[in-house]
Amino acid sequence: MEEQQAITKLKQGDIDGLEILVKKYYLPAVRAAYLIIQEKSLAEDVVQTSFINLVNKIGQFDETKAFRPWFLRSVVNRAISVTRKRNRVILVDESEFFEEISSAIEPASRNGHNPEENYISEELSRTIQLALDKLSPQQRAAIVMRYYLDFSENEISREMERPKSTVKWTLYAAREKLRQILQPADIETDASEEE
């Protein structure tokens, strides 16, 4: 069954249409929610709630537009809301879950690599995840939408209902903060200058 047929079934009240959408969007939705919330169980709850709400809100979906951004926007918005409600700094120690989701989504990325390349790739993923932890929920959402979900700035603006200039600023501020966090300490340069 195609995505469009699944949507049509849901609009007609047939819940069987949900199965194809869950199969197609569950992993990307969980990963997007996890990147924002950074807690496995909450990310899964957000996605499950989003699918349940989808059944009730499918009538609002305009079939002339793409379903993926419409649905993932609801996941991102719910993830931001959950993060705000928690109202505390989120520390993540769920690298196994993050790696499991990553490998499920991108299994070919590790095939054919030697153990050293795999280790470097895993370390890079952990480093990036820790850097993302230090962004605000809005910044994480913008980064996830732009670089993980491949939304354009115009799509992010429309989906987040924010002016494009605000989206651009949020992305800029998030990239700058990530750059500062990820920039290696230039110890060797400092040591050579002192000599």
C-alpha atoms as a PDB file:
ATOM      1  CA  MET A   1       0.000   0.000   0.000  1.00  0.00           C
ATOM      2  CA  GLU A   2       1.358   3.413  -0.895  1.00  0.00           C
ATOM      3  CA  GLU A   3       1.577   6.359   1.443  1.00  0.00           C
ATOM      4  CA  GLN A   4      -1.218   8.201  -0.381  1.00  0.00           C
ATOM      5  CA  GLN A   5      -3.526   5.188  -0.091  1.00  0.00           C
ATOM      6  CA  ALA A   6      -2.727   4.933   3.618  1.00  0.00           C
ATOM      7  CA  ILE A   7      -3.621   8.603   4.106  1.00  0.00           C
ATOM      8  CA  THR A   8      -6.854   8.153   2.167  1.00  0.00           C
ATOM      9  CA  LYS A   9      -7.763   5.132   4.313  1.00  0.00           C
ATOM     10  CA  LEU A  10      -7.093   7.092   7.497  1.00  0.00           C
ATOM     11  CA  LYS A  11      -9.206   9.988   6.266  1.00  0.00           C
ATOM     12  CA  GLN A  12     -12.024   7.495   5.671  1.00  0.00           C
ATOM     13  CA  GLY A  13     -11.713   6.275   9.265  1.00  0.00           C
ATOM     14  CA  ASP A  14      -9.895   3.031   8.448  1.00  0.00           C
ATOM     15  CA  ILE A  15      -7.089   2.688  11.006  1.00  0.00           C
ATOM     16  CA  ASP A  16      -5.323   0.050   8.864  1.00  0.00           C
ATOM     17  CA  GLY A  17      -3.860   2.959   6.917  1.00  0.00           C
ATOM     18  CA  LEU A  18      -1.728   3.830   9.933  1.00  0.00           C
ATOM     19  CA  GLU A  19       0.457   0.715   9.641  1.00  0.00           C
ATOM     20  CA  ILE A  20       2.278   1.802   6.481  1.00  0.00           C
ATOM     21  CA  LEU A  21       2.907   5.268   7.907  1.00  0.00           C
ATOM     22  CA  VAL A  22       4.295   3.816  11.146  1.00  0.00           C
ATOM     23  CA  LYS A  23       6.616   1.490   9.201  1.00  0.00           C
ATOM     24  CA  LYS A  24       7.844   4.356   7.039  1.00  0.00           C
ATOM     25  CA  TYR A  25       8.218   7.139   9.615  1.00  0.00           C
ATOM     26  CA  TYR A  26       8.735   5.537  13.028  1.00  0.00           C
ATOM     27  CA  LEU A  27      12.559   5.410  13.012  1.00  0.00           C
ATOM     28  CA  PRO A  28      13.121   8.892  11.528  1.00  0.00           C
ATOM     29  CA  ALA A  29      10.536  10.312  13.949  1.00  0.00           C
ATOM     30  CA  VAL A  30      12.104   8.619  17.000  1.00  0.00           C
ATOM     31  CA  ARG A  31      15.566   9.762  16.007  1.00  0.00           C
ATOM     32  CA  ALA A  32      14.380  13.354  15.469  1.00  0.00           C
ATOM     33  CA  ALA A  33      12.589  13.345  18.836  1.00  0.00           C
ATOM     34  CA  TYR A  34      15.583  11.740  20.549  1.00  0.00           C
ATOM     35  CA  LEU A  35      17.978  14.327  19.144  1.00  0.00           C
ATOM     36  CA  ILE A  36      15.809  17.035  20.730  1.00  0.00           C
ATOM     37  CA  ILE A  37      14.686  15.358  23.979  1.00  0.00           C
ATOM     38  CA  GLN A  38      17.727  13.123  24.444  1.00  0.00           C
ATOM     39  CA  GLU A  39      15.911  10.503  26.433  1.00  0.00           C
ATOM     40  CA  LYS A  40      14.878   7.209  24.843  1.00  0.00           C
ATOM     41  CA  SER A  41      11.575   6.600  26.610  1.00  0.00           C
ATOM     42  CA  LEU A  42      10.354  10.176  26.170  1.00  0.00           C
ATOM     43  CA  ALA A  43      11.304  10.168  22.481  1.00  0.00           C
ATOM     44  CA  GLU A  44       9.333   6.963  21.954  1.00  0.00           C
ATOM     45  CA  ASP A  45       6.371   8.414  23.897  1.00  0.00           C
ATOM     46  CA  VAL A  46       6.427  11.559  21.762  1.00  0.00           C
ATOM     47  CA  VAL A  47       6.368   9.531  18.556  1.00  0.00           C
ATOM     48  CA  GLN A  48       3.637   7.182  19.767  1.00  0.00           C
ATOM     49  CA  THR A  49       1.515  10.136  20.838  1.00  0.00           C
ATOM     50  CA  SER A  50       2.146  11.790  17.476  1.00  0.00           C
ATOM     51  CA  PHE A  51       0.885   8.697  15.657  1.00  0.00           C
ATOM     52  CA  ILE A  52      -2.185   8.498  17.897  1.00  0.00           C
ATOM     53  CA  ASN A  53      -2.916  12.173  17.270  1.00  0.00           C
ATOM     54  CA  LEU A  54      -2.383  11.590  13.566  1.00  0.00           C
ATOM     55  CA  VAL A  55      -5.499   9.408  13.486  1.00  0.00           C
ATOM     56  CA  ASN A  56      -7.546  12.289  14.898  1.00  0.00           C
ATOM     57  CA  LYS A  57      -5.888  15.095  12.917  1.00  0.00           C
ATOM     58  CA  ILE A  58      -5.457  13.475   9.509  1.00  0.00           C
ATOM     59  CA  GLY A  59      -8.478  15.427   8.283  1.00  0.00           C
ATOM     60  CA  GLN A  60      -6.403  18.611   8.636  1.00  0.00           C
ATOM     61  CA  PHE A  61      -3.711  17.306   6.284  1.00  0.00           C
ATOM     62  CA  ASP A  62      -3.702  18.966   2.859  1.00  0.00           C
ATOM     63  CA  GLU A  63      -3.034  16.162   0.378  1.00  0.00           C
ATOM     64  CA  THR A  64      -1.541  18.599  -2.128  1.00  0.00           C
ATOM     65  CA  LYS A  65       1.439  18.957   0.217  1.00  0.00           C
ATOM     66  CA  ALA A  66       4.077  16.455   1.322  1.00  0.00           C
ATOM     67  CA  PHE A  67       3.121  14.299   4.303  1.00  0.00           C
ATOM     68  CA  ARG A  68       6.641  13.802   5.718  1.00  0.00           C
ATOM     69  CA  PRO A  69       7.301  17.442   6.739  1.00  0.00           C
ATOM     70  CA  TRP A  70       3.752  17.829   8.062  1.00  0.00           C
ATOM     71  CA  PHE A  71       4.030  14.771  10.292  1.00  0.00           C
ATOM     72  CA  LEU A  72       7.634  15.321  11.413  1.00  0.00           C
ATOM     73  CA  ARG A  73       6.788  18.915  12.321  1.00  0.00           C
ATOM     74  CA  SER A  74       4.238  17.583  14.814  1.00  0.00           C
ATOM     75  CA  VAL A  75       6.905  15.270  16.262  1.00  0.00           C
ATOM     76  CA  VAL A  76       9.451  18.104  16.539  1.00  0.00           C
ATOM     77  CA  ASN A  77       6.893  20.482  18.093  1.00  0.00           C
ATOM     78  CA  ARG A  78       5.823  17.857  20.629  1.00  0.00           C
ATOM     79  CA  ALA A  79       9.480  17.106  21.446  1.00  0.00           C
ATOM     80  CA  ILE A  80      10.166  20.805  22.056  1.00  0.00           C
ATOM     81  CA  SER A  81       7.090  21.023  24.267  1.00  0.00           C
ATOM     82  CA  VAL A  82       8.135  17.999  26.331  1.00  0.00           C
ATOM     83  CA  THR A  83      11.643  19.393  26.716  1.00  0.00           C
ATOM     84  CA  ARG A  84      10.317  22.750  27.904  1.00  0.00           C
ATOM     85  CA  LYS A  85       8.025  21.080  30.418  1.00  0.00           C
ATOM     86  CA  ARG A  86      10.927  19.193  31.928  1.00  0.00           C
ATOM     87  CA  ASN A  87      12.517  22.618  32.547  1.00  0.00           C
ATOM     88  CA  ARG A  88      15.950  21.324  33.377  1.00  0.00           C
ATOM     89  CA  VAL A  89      19.224  20.554  31.689  1.00  0.00           C
ATOM     90  CA  ILE A  90      19.079  17.199  29.969  1.00  0.00           C
ATOM     91  CA  LEU A  91      22.079  14.949  30.322  1.00  0.00           C
ATOM     92  CA  VAL A  92      22.289  11.982  28.008  1.00  0.00           C
ATOM     93  CA  ASP A  93      23.877   8.649  28.773  1.00  0.00           C
ATOM     94  CA  GLU A  94      22.024   6.544  26.245  1.00  0.00           C
ATOM     95  CA  SER A  95      24.708   6.054  23.627  1.00  0.00           C
ATOM     96  CA  GLU A  96      23.621   2.435  23.075  1.00  0.00           C
ATOM     97  CA  PHE A  97      20.157   3.587  22.046  1.00  0.00           C
ATOM     98  CA  PHE A  98      21.587   6.351  19.844  1.00  0.00           C
ATOM     99  CA  GLU A  99      23.926   3.869  18.159  1.00  0.00           C
ATOM    100  CA  GLU A 100      21.084   1.360  17.731  1.00  0.00           C
ATOM    101  CA  ILE A 101      18.880   3.949  16.016  1.00  0.00           C
ATOM    102  CA  SER A 102      21.791   5.189  13.904  1.00  0.00           C
ATOM    103  CA  SER A 103      22.687   1.708  12.746  1.00  0.00           C
ATOM    104  CA  ALA A 104      19.045   0.886  11.986  1.00  0.00           C
ATOM    105  CA  ILE A 105      18.679   4.005   9.864  1.00  0.00           C
ATOM    106  CA  GLU A 106      22.099   3.937   8.229  1.00  0.00           C
ATOM    107  CA  PRO A 107      23.300   0.305   8.316  1.00  0.00           C
ATOM    108  CA  ALA A 108      25.473   0.694   5.231  1.00  0.00           C
ATOM    109  CA  SER A 109      27.550   3.443   6.808  1.00  0.00           C
ATOM    110  CA  ARG A 110      29.583   0.925   8.840  1.00  0.00           C
ATOM    111  CA  ASN A 111      29.773  -1.899   6.310  1.00  0.00           C
ATOM    112  CA  GLY A 112      33.242  -2.422   4.914  1.00  0.00           C
ATOM    113  CA  HIS A 113      34.968  -0.233   7.515  1.00  0.00           C
ATOM    114  CA  ASN A 114      37.766  -1.557   9.634  1.00  0.00           C
ATOM    115  CA  PRO A 115      37.537  -1.462  13.454  1.00  0.00           C
ATOM    116  CA  GLU A 116      39.589   1.737  13.664  1.00  0.00           C
ATOM    117  CA  GLU A 117      37.235   3.559  11.270  1.00  0.00           C
ATOM    118  CA  ASN A 118      34.230   2.253  13.223  1.00  0.00           C
ATOM    119  CA  TYR A 119      35.742   3.500  16.492  1.00  0.00           C
ATOM    120  CA  ILE A 120      36.442   6.947  15.016  1.00  0.00           C
ATOM    121  CA  SER A 121      32.919   7.110  13.599  1.00  0.00           C
ATOM    122  CA  GLU A 122      31.384   6.147  16.967  1.00  0.00           C
ATOM    123  CA  GLU A 123      33.536   8.671  18.829  1.00  0.00           C
ATOM    124  CA  LEU A 124      32.516  11.389  16.381  1.00  0.00           C
ATOM    125  CA  SER A 125      28.834  10.498  16.886  1.00  0.00           C
ATOM    126  CA  ARG A 126      29.235  10.689  20.679  1.00  0.00           C
ATOM    127  CA  THR A 127      31.091  13.989  20.470  1.00  0.00           C
ATOM    128  CA  ILE A 128      28.408  15.504  18.263  1.00  0.00           C
ATOM    129  CA  GLN A 129      25.660  14.188  20.540  1.00  0.00           C
ATOM    130  CA  LEU A 130      27.325  15.739  23.595  1.00  0.00           C
ATOM    131  CA  ALA A 131      27.647  19.029  21.713  1.00  0.00           C
ATOM    132  CA  LEU A 132      23.957  18.917  20.756  1.00  0.00           C
ATOM    133  CA  ASP A 133      23.152  18.479  24.458  1.00  0.00           C
ATOM    134  CA  LYS A 134      24.469  21.979  25.066  1.00  0.00           C
ATOM    135  CA  LEU A 135      22.054  23.647  22.623  1.00  0.00           C
ATOM    136  CA  SER A 136      18.641  24.959  23.598  1.00  0.00           C
ATOM    137  CA  PRO A 137      15.639  22.856  22.537  1.00  0.00           C
ATOM    138  CA  GLN A 138      14.796  25.402  19.797  1.00  0.00           C
ATOM    139  CA  GLN A 139      18.353  25.282  18.457  1.00  0.00           C
ATOM    140  CA  ARG A 140      18.410  21.466  18.563  1.00  0.00           C
ATOM    141  CA  ALA A 141      15.075  21.370  16.729  1.00  0.00           C
ATOM    142  CA  ALA A 142      16.354  23.716  14.025  1.00  0.00           C
ATOM    143  CA  ILE A 143      19.571  21.703  13.591  1.00  0.00           C
ATOM    144  CA  VAL A 144      17.630  18.413  13.474  1.00  0.00           C
ATOM    145  CA  MET A 145      15.142  19.750  10.933  1.00  0.00           C
ATOM    146  CA  ARG A 146      17.843  21.274   8.733  1.00  0.00           C
ATOM    147  CA  TYR A 147      20.617  18.703   8.831  1.00  0.00           C
ATOM    148  CA  TYR A 148      18.903  15.450   9.775  1.00  0.00           C
ATOM    149  CA  LEU A 149      15.469  15.846   8.185  1.00  0.00           C
ATOM    150  CA  ASP A 150      16.860  17.913   5.258  1.00  0.00           C
ATOM    151  CA  PHE A 151      14.268  20.680   5.559  1.00  0.00           C
ATOM    152  CA  SER A 152      15.075  23.890   3.705  1.00  0.00           C
ATOM    153  CA  GLU A 153      15.061  27.149   5.654  1.00  0.00           C
ATOM    154  CA  ASN A 154      11.735  28.006   4.009  1.00  0.00           C
ATOM    155  CA  GLU A 155      10.248  24.666   5.108  1.00  0.00           C
ATOM    156  CA  ILE A 156      11.538  25.129   8.657  1.00  0.00           C
ATOM    157  CA  SER A 157      10.069  28.628   8.711  1.00  0.00           C
ATOM    158  CA  ARG A 158       6.703  27.356   7.526  1.00  0.00           C
ATOM    159  CA  GLU A 159       6.652  24.268   9.740  1.00  0.00           C
ATOM    160  CA  MET A 160       7.795  26.065  12.910  1.00  0.00           C
ATOM    161  CA  GLU A 161       5.616  29.062  12.083  1.00  0.00           C
ATOM    162  CA  ARG A 162       8.572  31.415  12.543  1.00  0.00           C
ATOM    163  CA  PRO A 163       9.888  34.117  10.212  1.00  0.00           C
ATOM    164  CA  LYS A 164      12.677  32.951   7.942  1.00  0.00           C
ATOM    165  CA  SER A 165      15.000  35.507   9.519  1.00  0.00           C
ATOM    166  CA  THR A 166      14.386  33.916  12.946  1.00  0.00           C
ATOM    167  CA  VAL A 167      15.111  30.456  11.523  1.00  0.00           C
ATOM    168  CA  LYS A 168      18.316  31.734   9.924  1.00  0.00           C
ATOM    169  CA  TRP A 169      19.411  33.355  13.182  1.00  0.00           C
ATOM    170  CA  THR A 170      18.584  30.226  15.196  1.00  0.00           C
ATOM    171  CA  LEU A 171      20.582  28.053  12.785  1.00  0.00           C
ATOM    172  CA  TYR A 172      23.467  30.530  12.791  1.00  0.00           C
ATOM    173  CA  ALA A 173      23.566  30.739  16.593  1.00  0.00           C
ATOM    174  CA  ALA A 174      23.357  26.939  16.894  1.00  0.00           C
ATOM    175  CA  ARG A 175      26.163  26.399  14.367  1.00  0.00           C
ATOM    176  CA  GLU A 176      28.360  28.980  16.109  1.00  0.00           C
ATOM    177  CA  LYS A 177      27.782  27.358  19.485  1.00  0.00           C
ATOM    178  CA  LEU A 178      28.537  23.924  18.010  1.00  0.00           C
ATOM    179  CA  ARG A 179      31.659  25.307  16.353  1.00  0.00           C
ATOM    180  CA  GLN A 180      32.888  26.688  19.693  1.00  0.00           C
ATOM    181  CA  ILE A 181      32.131  23.436  21.490  1.00  0.00           C
ATOM    182  CA  LEU A 182      33.648  21.189  18.833  1.00  0.00           C
ATOM    183  CA  GLN A 183      36.696  23.327  18.050  1.00  0.00           C
ATOM    184  CA  PRO A 184      39.754  21.479  19.375  1.00  0.00           C
ATOM    185  CA  ALA A 185      41.926  23.284  21.865  1.00  0.00           C
ATOM    186  CA  ASP A 186      44.944  24.618  20.035  1.00  0.00           C
ATOM    187  CA  ILE A 187      47.423  23.582  22.709  1.00  0.00           C
ATOM    188  CA  GLU A 188      50.338  22.956  20.339  1.00  0.00           C
ATOM    189  CA  THR A 189      50.074  26.443  18.805  1.00  0.00           C
ATOM    190  CA  ASP A 190      49.978  28.063  22.229  1.00  0.00           C
ATOM    191  CA  ALA A 191      52.993  26.074  23.420  1.00  0.00           C
ATOM    192  CA  SER A 192      55.059  26.943  20.334  1.00  0.00           C
ATOM    193  CA  GLU A 193      54.237  30.646  20.678  1.00  0.00           C
ATOM    194  CA  GLU A 194      55.569  30.686  24.260  1.00  0.00           C
ATOM    195  CA  GLU A 195      58.969  29.329  23.180  1.00  0.00           C
END
